[in-house]
Amino acid sequence: MASESQRKANKRYKEKHKEQQQLYVKRSTTRNFLKNYASLDDLQEMQEIIDTRLKQLENK
């Protein structure tokens, strides 16, 4: 169990780094969905999205 000072420090960090925290949550949610719930159709759709995004990033 975290101490009160540790909880306060964690809260301050999260407030100061909101965008990074949102990214962590989205990444975690996506991974969980892909690993545990995605159907074959879901995975194929995600693969298309990933391929398109890779091409966009490679062309920058």
PDB file of N, CA and C in Angstrom:
ATOM      1  N   MET A   1       0.840  -1.179   0.000  1.00  0.00           N
ATOM      2  CA  MET A   1       0.000   0.000   0.000  1.00  0.00           C
ATOM      3  C   MET A   1       0.886   1.244   0.000  1.00  0.00           C
ATOM      4  N   ALA A   2       0.543   2.191  -0.863  1.00  0.00           N
ATOM      5  CA  ALA A   2       1.346   3.400  -1.001  1.00  0.00           C
ATOM      6  C   ALA A   2       1.067   4.374   0.147  1.00  0.00           C
ATOM      7  N   SER A   3       2.091   5.089   0.510  1.00  0.00           N
ATOM      8  CA  SER A   3       1.941   6.092   1.565  1.00  0.00           C
ATOM      9  C   SER A   3       1.161   7.288   1.019  1.00  0.00           C
ATOM     10  N   GLU A   4       0.692   8.095   1.939  1.00  0.00           N
ATOM     11  CA  GLU A   4      -0.056   9.290   1.540  1.00  0.00           C
ATOM     12  C   GLU A   4       0.801  10.205   0.676  1.00  0.00           C
ATOM     13  N   SER A   5       2.067  10.367   1.024  1.00  0.00           N
ATOM     14  CA  SER A   5       2.946  11.240   0.232  1.00  0.00           C
ATOM     15  C   SER A   5       3.165  10.657  -1.167  1.00  0.00           C
ATOM     16  N   GLN A   6       3.231   9.335  -1.277  1.00  0.00           N
ATOM     17  CA  GLN A   6       3.399   8.707  -2.594  1.00  0.00           C
ATOM     18  C   GLN A   6       2.154   8.908  -3.444  1.00  0.00           C
ATOM     19  N   ARG A   7       0.982   8.779  -2.827  1.00  0.00           N
ATOM     20  CA  ARG A   7      -0.269   9.009  -3.571  1.00  0.00           C
ATOM     21  C   ARG A   7      -0.347  10.445  -4.074  1.00  0.00           C
ATOM     22  N   LYS A   8       0.065  11.383  -3.237  1.00  0.00           N
ATOM     23  CA  LYS A   8       0.050  12.794  -3.651  1.00  0.00           C
ATOM     24  C   LYS A   8       1.044  13.036  -4.787  1.00  0.00           C
ATOM     25  N   ALA A   9       2.212  12.418  -4.685  1.00  0.00           N
ATOM     26  CA  ALA A   9       3.215  12.570  -5.744  1.00  0.00           C
ATOM     27  C   ALA A   9       2.701  11.985  -7.055  1.00  0.00           C
ATOM     28  N   ASN A  10       2.057  10.831  -6.981  1.00  0.00           N
ATOM     29  CA  ASN A  10       1.485  10.207  -8.186  1.00  0.00           C
ATOM     30  C   ASN A  10       0.419  11.102  -8.800  1.00  0.00           C
ATOM     31  N   LYS A  11      -0.420  11.682  -7.964  1.00  0.00           N
ATOM     32  CA  LYS A  11      -1.475  12.568  -8.455  1.00  0.00           C
ATOM     33  C   LYS A  11      -0.876  13.788  -9.152  1.00  0.00           C
ATOM     34  N   ARG A  12       0.150  14.385  -8.525  1.00  0.00           N
ATOM     35  CA  ARG A  12       0.801  15.556  -9.142  1.00  0.00           C
ATOM     36  C   ARG A  12       1.418  15.183 -10.488  1.00  0.00           C
ATOM     37  N   TYR A  13       2.071  14.025 -10.541  1.00  0.00           N
ATOM     38  CA  TYR A  13       2.690  13.587 -11.789  1.00  0.00           C
ATOM     39  C   TYR A  13       1.626  13.416 -12.878  1.00  0.00           C
ATOM     40  N   LYS A  14       0.534  12.742 -12.537  1.00  0.00           N
ATOM     41  CA  LYS A  14      -0.525  12.510 -13.520  1.00  0.00           C
ATOM     42  C   LYS A  14      -1.135  13.813 -14.017  1.00  0.00           C
ATOM     43  N   GLU A  15      -1.313  14.768 -13.109  1.00  0.00           N
ATOM     44  CA  GLU A  15      -1.868  16.062 -13.505  1.00  0.00           C
ATOM     45  C   GLU A  15      -0.905  16.826 -14.407  1.00  0.00           C
ATOM     46  N   LYS A  16       0.381  16.695 -14.135  1.00  0.00           N
ATOM     47  CA  LYS A  16       1.390  17.405 -14.914  1.00  0.00           C
ATOM     48  C   LYS A  16       1.619  16.763 -16.283  1.00  0.00           C
ATOM     49  N   HIS A  17       1.350  15.484 -16.398  1.00  0.00           N
ATOM     50  CA  HIS A  17       1.604  14.733 -17.629  1.00  0.00           C
ATOM     51  C   HIS A  17       0.333  14.089 -18.175  1.00  0.00           C
ATOM     52  N   LYS A  18      -0.728  14.874 -18.312  1.00  0.00           N
ATOM     53  CA  LYS A  18      -2.023  14.340 -18.721  1.00  0.00           C
ATOM     54  C   LYS A  18      -1.991  13.673 -20.092  1.00  0.00           C
ATOM     55  N   GLU A  19      -1.349  14.313 -21.060  1.00  0.00           N
ATOM     56  CA  GLU A  19      -1.318  13.741 -22.405  1.00  0.00           C
ATOM     57  C   GLU A  19      -0.610  12.395 -22.411  1.00  0.00           C
ATOM     58  N   GLN A  20       0.495  12.303 -21.706  1.00  0.00           N
ATOM     59  CA  GLN A  20       1.241  11.044 -21.636  1.00  0.00           C
ATOM     60  C   GLN A  20       0.408   9.971 -20.940  1.00  0.00           C
ATOM     61  N   GLN A  21      -0.316  10.343 -19.889  1.00  0.00           N
ATOM     62  CA  GLN A  21      -1.161   9.391 -19.180  1.00  0.00           C
ATOM     63  C   GLN A  21      -2.282   8.884 -20.080  1.00  0.00           C
ATOM     64  N   GLN A  22      -2.868   9.781 -20.880  1.00  0.00           N
ATOM     65  CA  GLN A  22      -3.925   9.376 -21.811  1.00  0.00           C
ATOM     66  C   GLN A  22      -3.374   8.401 -22.842  1.00  0.00           C
ATOM     67  N   LEU A  23      -2.159   8.653 -23.303  1.00  0.00           N
ATOM     68  CA  LEU A  23      -1.528   7.751 -24.257  1.00  0.00           C
ATOM     69  C   LEU A  23      -1.331   6.368 -23.643  1.00  0.00           C
ATOM     70  N   TYR A  24      -0.859   6.308 -22.398  1.00  0.00           N
ATOM     71  CA  TYR A  24      -0.667   5.027 -21.714  1.00  0.00           C
ATOM     72  C   TYR A  24      -1.979   4.256 -21.602  1.00  0.00           C
ATOM     73  N   VAL A  25      -3.054   4.952 -21.250  1.00  0.00           N
ATOM     74  CA  VAL A  25      -4.354   4.306 -21.089  1.00  0.00           C
ATOM     75  C   VAL A  25      -4.855   3.776 -22.429  1.00  0.00           C
ATOM     76  N   LYS A  26      -4.743   4.587 -23.470  1.00  0.00           N
ATOM     77  CA  LYS A  26      -5.205   4.159 -24.795  1.00  0.00           C
ATOM     78  C   LYS A  26      -4.398   2.973 -25.302  1.00  0.00           C
ATOM     79  N   ARG A  27      -3.096   3.010 -25.115  1.00  0.00           N
ATOM     80  CA  ARG A  27      -2.228   1.920 -25.549  1.00  0.00           C
ATOM     81  C   ARG A  27      -2.581   0.635 -24.795  1.00  0.00           C
ATOM     82  N   SER A  28      -2.760   0.747 -23.512  1.00  0.00           N
ATOM     83  CA  SER A  28      -3.090  -0.413 -22.683  1.00  0.00           C
ATOM     84  C   SER A  28      -4.445  -1.003 -23.074  1.00  0.00           C
ATOM     85  N   THR A  29      -5.422  -0.138 -23.293  1.00  0.00           N
ATOM     86  CA  THR A  29      -6.757  -0.586 -23.682  1.00  0.00           C
ATOM     87  C   THR A  29      -6.712  -1.302 -25.028  1.00  0.00           C
ATOM     88  N   THR A  30      -5.978  -0.735 -25.962  1.00  0.00           N
ATOM     89  CA  THR A  30      -5.858  -1.338 -27.290  1.00  0.00           C
ATOM     90  C   THR A  30      -5.200  -2.704 -27.210  1.00  0.00           C
ATOM     91  N   ARG A  31      -4.103  -2.803 -26.481  1.00  0.00           N
ATOM     92  CA  ARG A  31      -3.410  -4.085 -26.346  1.00  0.00           C
ATOM     93  C   ARG A  31      -4.296  -5.131 -25.698  1.00  0.00           C
ATOM     94  N   ASN A  32      -5.004  -4.740 -24.657  1.00  0.00           N
ATOM     95  CA  ASN A  32      -5.898  -5.668 -23.974  1.00  0.00           C
ATOM     96  C   ASN A  32      -6.974  -6.177 -24.930  1.00  0.00           C
ATOM     97  N   PHE A  33      -7.569  -5.271 -25.693  1.00  0.00           N
ATOM     98  CA  PHE A  33      -8.594  -5.674 -26.657  1.00  0.00           C
ATOM     99  C   PHE A  33      -8.020  -6.643 -27.684  1.00  0.00           C
ATOM    100  N   LEU A  34      -6.874  -6.279 -28.261  1.00  0.00           N
ATOM    101  CA  LEU A  34      -6.284  -7.128 -29.293  1.00  0.00           C
ATOM    102  C   LEU A  34      -5.907  -8.506 -28.762  1.00  0.00           C
ATOM    103  N   LYS A  35      -5.344  -8.565 -27.578  1.00  0.00           N
ATOM    104  CA  LYS A  35      -4.889  -9.836 -27.017  1.00  0.00           C
ATOM    105  C   LYS A  35      -6.027 -10.729 -26.534  1.00  0.00           C
ATOM    106  N   ASN A  36      -7.090 -10.115 -26.014  1.00  0.00           N
ATOM    107  CA  ASN A  36      -8.098 -10.909 -25.311  1.00  0.00           C
ATOM    108  C   ASN A  36      -9.481 -10.963 -25.931  1.00  0.00           C
ATOM    109  N   TYR A  37      -9.826 -10.006 -26.794  1.00  0.00           N
ATOM    110  CA  TYR A  37     -11.206  -9.936 -27.246  1.00  0.00           C
ATOM    111  C   TYR A  37     -11.398  -9.866 -28.756  1.00  0.00           C
ATOM    112  N   ALA A  38     -10.389  -9.479 -29.489  1.00  0.00           N
ATOM    113  CA  ALA A  38     -10.543  -9.234 -30.928  1.00  0.00           C
ATOM    114  C   ALA A  38     -10.840 -10.523 -31.686  1.00  0.00           C
ATOM    115  N   SER A  39     -11.794 -10.403 -32.595  1.00  0.00           N
ATOM    116  CA  SER A  39     -12.103 -11.510 -33.491  1.00  0.00           C
ATOM    117  C   SER A  39     -11.156 -11.455 -34.688  1.00  0.00           C
ATOM    118  N   LEU A  40     -11.227 -12.434 -35.528  1.00  0.00           N
ATOM    119  CA  LEU A  40     -10.407 -12.448 -36.741  1.00  0.00           C
ATOM    120  C   LEU A  40     -10.707 -11.217 -37.594  1.00  0.00           C
ATOM    121  N   ASP A  41     -11.984 -10.889 -37.723  1.00  0.00           N
ATOM    122  CA  ASP A  41     -12.354  -9.698 -38.497  1.00  0.00           C
ATOM    123  C   ASP A  41     -11.765  -8.427 -37.871  1.00  0.00           C
ATOM    124  N   ASP A  42     -11.824  -8.328 -36.558  1.00  0.00           N
ATOM    125  CA  ASP A  42     -11.242  -7.172 -35.865  1.00  0.00           C
ATOM    126  C   ASP A  42      -9.748  -7.075 -36.158  1.00  0.00           C
ATOM    127  N   LEU A  43      -9.055  -8.191 -36.045  1.00  0.00           N
ATOM    128  CA  LEU A  43      -7.606  -8.202 -36.263  1.00  0.00           C
ATOM    129  C   LEU A  43      -7.247  -7.840 -37.700  1.00  0.00           C
ATOM    130  N   GLN A  44      -8.035  -8.311 -38.649  1.00  0.00           N
ATOM    131  CA  GLN A  44      -7.776  -7.973 -40.049  1.00  0.00           C
ATOM    132  C   GLN A  44      -7.997  -6.486 -40.295  1.00  0.00           C
ATOM    133  N   GLU A  45      -9.038  -5.935 -39.700  1.00  0.00           N
ATOM    134  CA  GLU A  45      -9.286  -4.498 -39.834  1.00  0.00           C
ATOM    135  C   GLU A  45      -8.154  -3.697 -39.198  1.00  0.00           C
ATOM    136  N   MET A  46      -7.719  -4.100 -38.024  1.00  0.00           N
ATOM    137  CA  MET A  46      -6.616  -3.413 -37.358  1.00  0.00           C
ATOM    138  C   MET A  46      -5.340  -3.496 -38.190  1.00  0.00           C
ATOM    139  N   GLN A  47      -5.113  -4.627 -38.824  1.00  0.00           N
ATOM    140  CA  GLN A  47      -3.918  -4.785 -39.653  1.00  0.00           C
ATOM    141  C   GLN A  47      -3.933  -3.795 -40.812  1.00  0.00           C
ATOM    142  N   GLU A  48      -5.101  -3.588 -41.407  1.00  0.00           N
ATOM    143  CA  GLU A  48      -5.228  -2.613 -42.490  1.00  0.00           C
ATOM    144  C   GLU A  48      -4.922  -1.196 -41.969  1.00  0.00           C
ATOM    145  N   ILE A  49      -5.448  -0.887 -40.800  1.00  0.00           N
ATOM    146  CA  ILE A  49      -5.213   0.428 -40.203  1.00  0.00           C
ATOM    147  C   ILE A  49      -3.727   0.613 -39.901  1.00  0.00           C
ATOM    148  N   ILE A  50      -3.107  -0.419 -39.358  1.00  0.00           N
ATOM    149  CA  ILE A  50      -1.682  -0.363 -39.038  1.00  0.00           C
ATOM    150  C   ILE A  50      -0.857  -0.182 -40.307  1.00  0.00           C
ATOM    151  N   ASP A  51      -1.165  -0.936 -41.347  1.00  0.00           N
ATOM    152  CA  ASP A  51      -0.422  -0.820 -42.600  1.00  0.00           C
ATOM    153  C   ASP A  51      -0.513   0.595 -43.168  1.00  0.00           C
ATOM    154  N   THR A  52      -1.715   1.174 -43.134  1.00  0.00           N
ATOM    155  CA  THR A  52      -1.907   2.540 -43.625  1.00  0.00           C
ATOM    156  C   THR A  52      -1.105   3.533 -42.788  1.00  0.00           C
ATOM    157  N   ARG A  53      -1.142   3.369 -41.487  1.00  0.00           N
ATOM    158  CA  ARG A  53      -0.417   4.283 -40.598  1.00  0.00           C
ATOM    159  C   ARG A  53       1.092   4.160 -40.784  1.00  0.00           C
ATOM    160  N   LEU A  54       1.587   2.944 -40.964  1.00  0.00           N
ATOM    161  CA  LEU A  54       3.020   2.745 -41.217  1.00  0.00           C
ATOM    162  C   LEU A  54       3.463   3.472 -42.481  1.00  0.00           C
ATOM    163  N   LYS A  55       2.662   3.362 -43.538  1.00  0.00           N
ATOM    164  CA  LYS A  55       2.986   4.043 -44.784  1.00  0.00           C
ATOM    165  C   LYS A  55       3.018   5.559 -44.581  1.00  0.00           C
ATOM    166  N   GLN A  56       2.056   6.083 -43.806  1.00  0.00           N
ATOM    167  CA  GLN A  56       2.034   7.516 -43.530  1.00  0.00           C
ATOM    168  C   GLN A  56       3.305   7.952 -42.795  1.00  0.00           C
ATOM    169  N   LEU A  57       3.701   7.198 -41.812  1.00  0.00           N
ATOM    170  CA  LEU A  57       4.885   7.556 -41.021  1.00  0.00           C
ATOM    171  C   LEU A  57       6.167   7.406 -41.813  1.00  0.00           C
ATOM    172  N   GLU A  58       6.229   6.421 -42.678  1.00  0.00           N
ATOM    173  CA  GLU A  58       7.428   6.209 -43.497  1.00  0.00           C
ATOM    174  C   GLU A  58       7.628   7.310 -44.519  1.00  0.00           C
ATOM    175  N   ASN A  59       6.527   7.938 -44.937  1.00  0.00           N
ATOM    176  CA  ASN A  59       6.589   8.975 -45.967  1.00  0.00           C
ATOM    177  C   ASN A  59       6.823  10.368 -45.387  1.00  0.00           C
ATOM    178  N   LYS A  60       6.985  10.478 -44.097  1.00  0.00           N
ATOM    179  CA  LYS A  60       7.226  11.798 -43.501  1.00  0.00           C
ATOM    180  C   LYS A  60       8.646  12.216 -43.680  1.00  0.00           C
TER     181      LYS A  60
END
